[in-house]
Amino acid sequence: MAKVFVYGTLRQGMYNYDIYLKDQATYCGHGYIKGSLMTIIGKIYPAYLWEGQDMIFGEVYDVNDQTLAHLDELESYFGKDCQNNEYNKIYMDILDNDGKVKDQAYVYEFNMDNPMNVNLLGKDILEHDYVQYMQKKKLNSQNLFDDEDMFY
């Protein structure tokens, strides 16, 4: 078993949660990681970067090796230090509401060493919570997928 911290489309209520985690993982609670959360131009999922001091909200899950392998596939993680990774898998401290370490887990970080990723970063997600950000975008749009600004 391994612990994974999820901050984007793998969170409860998001489309990848039902596919990858709902029946394959055990929810351990919520937490925070320090860094930056950003939109990705042309994508409907976020980029996490470890650089930064924002407290990024997410959920921690226990997953088995098979589920972890499926998550690696989803995140286009091909192995440690592989330049072609869309996301790198790093082991990080998970923080509580007060910023104290409460756990450790794998986190998928947007790979800025991949040349295809370099020009794709959009805007900072100021809510530091991707689900909250998407709910706000949906409220501001009749149809979430018609709102071209959401891709920046």
Protein backbone atom coordinates (compact mmCIF):
# COMPACT_ATOMS: atom_id res chain seq x y z
CA MET A 1 0.00 0.00 0.00
CA ALA A 2 1.06 3.57 -0.70
CA LYS A 3 -0.40 6.94 0.20
CA VAL A 4 -1.24 9.42 -2.54
CA PHE A 5 -2.21 13.08 -2.16
CA VAL A 6 -4.61 14.26 -4.88
CA TYR A 7 -5.41 17.91 -5.60
CA GLY A 8 -7.18 17.97 -8.98
CA THR A 9 -9.48 15.75 -11.02
CA LEU A 10 -8.87 12.75 -8.72
CA ARG A 11 -10.62 14.47 -5.80
CA GLN A 12 -14.10 13.47 -4.67
CA GLY A 13 -16.74 15.02 -6.92
CA MET A 14 -14.40 15.23 -9.91
CA TYR A 15 -14.58 12.98 -12.97
CA ASN A 16 -11.40 10.95 -12.42
CA TYR A 17 -12.29 10.10 -8.81
CA ASP A 18 -15.07 7.73 -9.90
CA ILE A 19 -12.82 6.03 -12.45
CA TYR A 20 -9.59 5.65 -10.45
CA LEU A 21 -10.23 5.94 -6.70
CA LYS A 22 -13.87 5.48 -5.69
CA ASP A 23 -13.78 1.68 -5.35
CA GLN A 24 -10.00 1.21 -5.43
CA ALA A 25 -8.73 3.37 -2.56
CA THR A 26 -9.26 4.16 1.10
CA TYR A 27 -9.84 7.80 2.01
CA CYS A 28 -7.47 8.90 4.80
CA GLY A 29 -8.54 12.55 5.14
CA HIS A 30 -7.73 15.94 3.72
CA GLY A 31 -4.53 17.92 4.00
CA TYR A 32 -2.31 20.49 2.36
CA ILE A 33 0.94 20.63 0.44
CA LYS A 34 3.06 23.74 -0.05
CA GLY A 35 3.61 24.98 -3.58
CA SER A 36 1.65 26.53 -6.44
CA LEU A 37 -1.49 25.40 -8.24
CA MET A 38 -1.97 26.62 -11.80
CA THR A 39 -4.18 26.13 -14.81
CA ILE A 40 -2.77 24.44 -17.90
CA ILE A 41 -3.56 26.08 -21.22
CA GLY A 42 -5.94 23.90 -23.23
CA LYS A 43 -6.48 21.37 -20.42
CA ILE A 44 -9.21 20.84 -17.83
CA TYR A 45 -6.86 19.65 -15.09
CA PRO A 46 -4.37 21.60 -12.97
CA ALA A 47 -0.61 21.76 -12.62
CA TYR A 48 0.98 21.52 -9.18
CA LEU A 49 4.49 22.97 -8.79
CA TRP A 50 6.46 22.44 -5.58
CA GLU A 51 7.94 25.95 -5.86
CA GLY A 52 5.84 28.34 -3.81
CA GLN A 53 4.44 28.74 -0.34
CA ASP A 54 0.69 28.45 -0.97
CA MET A 55 -1.19 25.83 1.05
CA ILE A 56 -2.77 23.62 -1.65
CA PHE A 57 -5.82 21.68 -0.46
CA GLY A 58 -6.28 18.03 -1.34
CA GLU A 59 -7.16 14.52 -0.19
CA VAL A 60 -5.01 11.60 0.94
CA TYR A 61 -5.75 8.01 -0.11
CA ASP A 62 -4.26 4.60 0.58
CA VAL A 63 -3.88 2.77 -2.73
CA ASN A 64 -2.57 -0.65 -3.69
CA ASP A 65 0.23 -1.19 -6.22
CA GLN A 66 -2.20 -1.79 -9.10
CA THR A 67 -4.09 1.47 -8.44
CA LEU A 68 -0.79 3.34 -8.11
CA ALA A 69 0.26 1.95 -11.51
CA HIS A 70 -3.06 3.16 -13.00
CA LEU A 71 -2.46 6.61 -11.51
CA ASP A 72 1.05 6.64 -12.99
CA GLU A 73 -0.51 5.91 -16.37
CA LEU A 74 -3.14 8.64 -15.97
CA GLU A 75 -0.48 11.19 -14.98
CA SER A 76 1.85 10.11 -17.83
CA TYR A 77 4.52 9.16 -15.32
CA PHE A 78 6.98 6.79 -17.02
CA GLY A 79 9.62 6.63 -14.30
CA LYS A 80 11.90 8.65 -12.10
CA ASP A 81 13.80 11.43 -13.90
CA CYS A 82 12.14 10.67 -17.25
CA GLN A 83 12.01 13.91 -19.26
CA ASN A 84 8.87 12.70 -21.08
CA ASN A 85 6.80 12.52 -17.87
CA GLU A 86 3.90 14.93 -17.92
CA TYR A 87 3.97 14.70 -14.13
CA ASN A 88 6.74 13.54 -11.82
CA LYS A 89 5.85 11.49 -8.75
CA ILE A 90 7.47 12.91 -5.62
CA TYR A 91 7.18 11.96 -1.96
CA MET A 92 6.15 14.92 0.18
CA ASP A 93 5.06 16.02 3.61
CA ILE A 94 1.30 16.43 3.97
CA LEU A 95 0.33 19.26 6.29
CA ASP A 96 -2.61 19.87 8.61
CA ASN A 97 -4.63 23.11 8.86
CA ASP A 98 -1.86 24.66 11.01
CA GLY A 99 0.93 23.79 8.58
CA LYS A 100 2.31 20.98 10.73
CA VAL A 101 3.38 17.70 9.12
CA LYS A 102 0.67 15.07 9.61
CA ASP A 103 1.64 12.47 7.00
CA GLN A 104 3.67 11.77 3.88
CA ALA A 105 2.40 10.71 0.48
CA TYR A 106 3.17 10.62 -3.20
CA VAL A 107 2.19 13.75 -5.14
CA TYR A 108 2.16 14.21 -8.91
CA GLU A 109 4.02 17.41 -9.81
CA PHE A 110 3.85 19.00 -13.28
CA ASN A 111 7.18 18.25 -14.98
CA MET A 112 8.81 21.49 -16.06
CA ASP A 113 11.78 19.54 -17.50
CA ASN A 114 9.46 18.26 -20.23
CA PRO A 115 9.83 20.73 -23.14
CA MET A 116 6.16 20.22 -24.09
CA ASN A 117 5.05 21.50 -20.65
CA VAL A 118 7.14 24.67 -20.46
CA ASN A 119 4.75 26.99 -22.32
CA LEU A 120 1.52 25.43 -21.06
CA LEU A 121 1.25 27.04 -17.63
CA GLY A 122 -1.70 29.38 -17.35
CA LYS A 123 -2.90 31.40 -14.37
CA ASP A 124 -2.45 30.82 -10.67
CA ILE A 125 -5.46 29.15 -9.07
CA LEU A 126 -5.95 31.69 -6.30
CA GLU A 127 -8.39 29.50 -4.36
CA HIS A 128 -5.56 26.95 -3.82
CA ASP A 129 -8.35 24.37 -4.15
CA TYR A 130 -9.11 22.96 -7.62
CA VAL A 131 -12.64 21.77 -6.82
CA GLN A 132 -13.56 25.19 -5.42
CA TYR A 133 -12.00 26.84 -8.48
CA MET A 134 -14.02 24.64 -10.87
CA GLN A 135 -17.26 25.23 -8.94
CA LYS A 136 -16.69 28.98 -9.20
CA LYS A 137 -15.98 28.67 -12.95
CA LYS A 138 -19.17 26.66 -13.42
CA LEU A 139 -21.24 29.27 -11.58
CA ASN A 140 -19.83 31.93 -13.90
CA SER A 141 -20.69 30.01 -17.06
CA GLN A 142 -23.85 28.48 -18.53
CA ASN A 143 -21.79 25.56 -19.77
CA LEU A 144 -18.40 24.87 -18.21
CA PHE A 145 -16.92 23.75 -21.52
CA ASP A 146 -18.05 26.90 -23.37
CA ASP A 147 -16.00 29.17 -21.10
CA GLU A 148 -12.77 29.61 -23.05
CA ASP A 149 -11.19 31.64 -20.20
CA MET A 150 -11.10 28.51 -18.02
CA PHE A 151 -8.21 27.20 -20.13
CA TYR A 152 -5.87 30.04 -19.09
